[in-house]
Amino acid sequence: MADKYEKYRNLCYQFPGIKQNTEDTCWCAALAWWIKALKGGRPQLNQEQIYNQYAGFTVNGWNNSNLIAPNQYQRLLSEPKWKADVVFKPAGFGPTYLNQKLEKGPIIIGYWNPGGGHVVVMVAPSITYQDRYMVMDPAFGNVRPYGYGKFSTYSTVLVATPKVT
């Protein structure tokens, strides 16, 4: 029996995961997959094009890398062309909050601690693994089941949901 997340779960099969080009460009690969899967008038760019447009947003102070700071990723995702609502670790962040946001479509989750972080796309609640979510992880370039706890322990968590127009 279909549920309200089925059309989003199907995105995992319609759009293969995108593996990040370097160890520090998860933010590009996550955004590239998200816009490809959602469409909706968003620019269709690949991760290289995204990096080239936003390389100035990276934090070279962290090991001279291509990491992006949380406030810069928020700034990037808040640009109108991405059609995203972006918040930092909202009140009530947990499974109920995530399930509610996933009703609109996949969400980008960035999570950071001092010295580094990672960005993924949470696609839908898993039907195979209880209390887990299907997550497109650019570090591996595929969808994996992750529990909510993976994100809850970080000092900074960014959530970007698709705007429904």
Protein backbone atom coordinates (compact mmCIF):
# COMPACT_ATOMS: atom_id res chain seq x y z
CA MET A 1 0.00 0.00 0.00
CA ALA A 2 1.33 3.43 -0.96
CA ASP A 3 1.88 6.11 1.63
CA LYS A 4 2.42 9.85 1.41
CA TYR A 5 6.20 9.41 1.00
CA GLU A 6 6.16 6.83 -1.80
CA LYS A 7 6.68 9.31 -4.65
CA TYR A 8 9.76 10.65 -2.87
CA ARG A 9 11.12 7.17 -2.09
CA ASN A 10 10.87 6.45 -5.81
CA LEU A 11 13.30 9.32 -6.47
CA CYS A 12 16.03 7.07 -5.04
CA TYR A 13 15.54 4.76 -8.01
CA GLN A 14 14.82 7.39 -10.63
CA PHE A 15 17.89 9.48 -9.83
CA PRO A 16 21.09 7.65 -8.93
CA GLY A 17 23.09 9.11 -6.06
CA ILE A 18 25.83 11.61 -6.82
CA LYS A 19 29.28 10.99 -5.36
CA GLN A 20 31.14 14.10 -4.31
CA ASN A 21 34.15 14.92 -6.49
CA THR A 22 36.45 15.66 -3.56
CA GLU A 23 36.27 14.92 0.14
CA ASP A 24 35.12 18.50 0.78
CA THR A 25 32.43 19.04 -1.84
CA CYS A 26 29.50 17.13 -0.35
CA TRP A 27 27.59 20.40 -0.32
CA CYS A 28 27.79 20.60 -4.13
CA ALA A 29 26.84 16.97 -4.75
CA ALA A 30 23.91 17.13 -2.29
CA LEU A 31 22.51 20.27 -3.91
CA ALA A 32 23.02 18.81 -7.42
CA TRP A 33 21.03 15.68 -6.52
CA TRP A 34 18.31 17.66 -4.73
CA ILE A 35 17.66 20.03 -7.65
CA LYS A 36 17.78 17.17 -10.16
CA ALA A 37 15.24 15.13 -8.19
CA LEU A 38 12.90 18.03 -7.36
CA LYS A 39 13.06 20.04 -10.59
CA GLY A 40 10.27 22.62 -10.11
CA GLY A 41 11.97 25.42 -12.03
CA ARG A 42 15.24 25.16 -10.13
CA PRO A 43 18.41 25.58 -12.23
CA GLN A 44 19.65 22.17 -13.37
CA LEU A 45 23.33 22.35 -12.52
CA ASN A 46 25.83 19.57 -11.83
CA GLN A 47 28.16 19.66 -8.85
CA GLU A 48 31.04 21.15 -10.86
CA GLN A 49 28.85 24.04 -12.03
CA ILE A 50 27.63 24.61 -8.48
CA TYR A 51 31.20 24.61 -7.17
CA ASN A 52 32.35 27.04 -9.87
CA GLN A 53 29.54 29.45 -9.01
CA TYR A 54 30.07 29.27 -5.24
CA ALA A 55 33.78 28.55 -4.74
CA GLY A 56 34.06 31.95 -3.04
CA PHE A 57 31.74 30.67 -0.29
CA THR A 58 34.20 28.01 0.88
CA VAL A 59 36.25 28.19 4.04
CA ASN A 60 39.90 27.89 3.17
CA GLY A 61 40.78 28.27 6.83
CA TRP A 62 39.75 24.68 7.53
CA ASN A 63 42.79 22.77 6.27
CA ASN A 64 42.88 24.85 3.07
CA SER A 65 39.88 22.93 1.78
CA ASN A 66 36.62 23.35 -0.12
CA LEU A 67 34.45 22.99 2.98
CA ILE A 68 31.56 25.39 3.27
CA ALA A 69 30.67 27.08 6.54
CA PRO A 70 27.10 26.71 7.83
CA ASN A 71 26.26 30.42 7.44
CA GLN A 72 27.59 30.43 3.87
CA TYR A 73 25.56 27.35 2.93
CA GLN A 74 22.49 28.99 4.41
CA ARG A 75 23.23 32.09 2.32
CA LEU A 76 23.64 29.96 -0.82
CA LEU A 77 20.46 27.91 -0.30
CA SER A 78 18.46 31.04 0.57
CA GLU A 79 18.91 32.41 -2.95
CA PRO A 80 15.44 32.50 -4.55
CA LYS A 81 16.44 30.30 -7.51
CA TRP A 82 16.77 27.23 -5.25
CA LYS A 83 13.23 27.62 -3.88
CA ALA A 84 14.19 26.43 -0.41
CA ASP A 85 13.21 27.31 3.13
CA VAL A 86 16.36 27.19 5.24
CA VAL A 87 16.62 27.07 9.03
CA PHE A 88 19.22 26.12 11.61
CA LYS A 89 18.31 23.30 14.04
CA PRO A 90 14.69 24.28 14.45
CA ALA A 91 12.72 23.88 17.64
CA GLY A 92 11.34 20.37 17.85
CA PHE A 93 14.01 18.94 15.54
CA GLY A 94 13.38 15.22 15.64
CA PRO A 95 11.53 12.43 13.85
CA THR A 96 8.11 14.15 13.98
CA TYR A 97 9.57 17.37 12.57
CA LEU A 98 11.50 15.51 9.86
CA ASN A 99 8.49 13.42 8.81
CA GLN A 100 6.38 16.56 8.53
CA LYS A 101 9.00 18.34 6.39
CA LEU A 102 9.50 15.25 4.20
CA GLU A 103 5.84 15.46 3.17
CA LYS A 104 6.94 18.35 0.89
CA GLY A 105 9.85 16.38 -0.59
CA PRO A 106 13.49 15.55 0.11
CA ILE A 107 15.36 17.86 2.47
CA ILE A 108 18.98 18.91 2.58
CA ILE A 109 20.62 18.42 5.95
CA GLY A 110 23.99 19.93 6.75
CA TYR A 111 25.63 19.14 10.05
CA TRP A 112 28.80 20.60 11.54
CA ASN A 113 30.97 20.44 14.63
CA PRO A 114 34.04 22.63 15.11
CA GLY A 115 36.52 21.64 12.43
CA GLY A 116 34.24 20.05 9.86
CA GLY A 117 30.89 18.80 8.73
CA HIS A 118 28.90 17.02 6.05
CA VAL A 119 25.84 17.60 3.86
CA VAL A 120 23.34 14.93 2.76
CA VAL A 121 19.83 14.73 1.30
CA MET A 122 17.17 13.01 3.40
CA VAL A 123 14.70 11.56 0.91
CA ALA A 124 11.96 9.80 2.89
CA PRO A 125 11.29 7.59 5.90
CA SER A 126 12.47 4.04 5.25
CA ILE A 127 9.89 1.29 4.98
CA THR A 128 12.57 -1.41 5.30
CA TYR A 129 14.38 -0.11 8.40
CA GLN A 130 12.25 1.04 11.32
CA ASP A 131 13.15 4.47 12.72
CA ARG A 132 15.49 5.20 9.82
CA TYR A 133 15.47 7.49 6.82
CA MET A 134 16.59 7.00 3.24
CA VAL A 135 19.51 9.40 2.83
CA MET A 136 21.48 10.22 -0.32
CA ASP A 137 25.00 10.49 1.06
CA PRO A 138 27.47 12.09 -1.37
CA ALA A 139 30.44 10.54 0.46
CA PHE A 140 29.30 7.19 -0.96
CA GLY A 141 27.23 8.38 -3.93
CA ASN A 142 24.20 6.30 -2.99
CA VAL A 143 21.18 6.08 -0.72
CA ARG A 144 21.67 4.57 2.74
CA PRO A 145 19.44 4.11 5.79
CA TYR A 146 20.37 6.51 8.59
CA GLY A 147 18.76 7.02 11.96
CA TYR A 148 17.75 10.47 13.18
CA GLY A 149 20.48 10.32 15.83
CA LYS A 150 23.15 10.72 13.16
CA PHE A 151 22.20 14.39 12.89
CA SER A 152 20.91 15.24 16.36
CA THR A 153 24.26 15.27 18.15
CA TYR A 154 25.96 17.96 16.04
CA SER A 155 26.37 21.48 17.32
CA THR A 156 25.06 23.03 14.10
CA VAL A 157 22.36 21.49 11.91
CA LEU A 158 20.93 23.19 8.83
CA VAL A 159 17.67 22.01 7.26
CA ALA A 160 16.56 23.09 3.77
CA THR A 161 13.07 22.08 2.64
CA PRO A 162 11.52 22.67 -0.77
CA LYS A 163 9.22 25.65 -0.97
CA VAL A 164 5.79 24.64 -2.09
CA THR A 165 4.57 27.21 -4.58
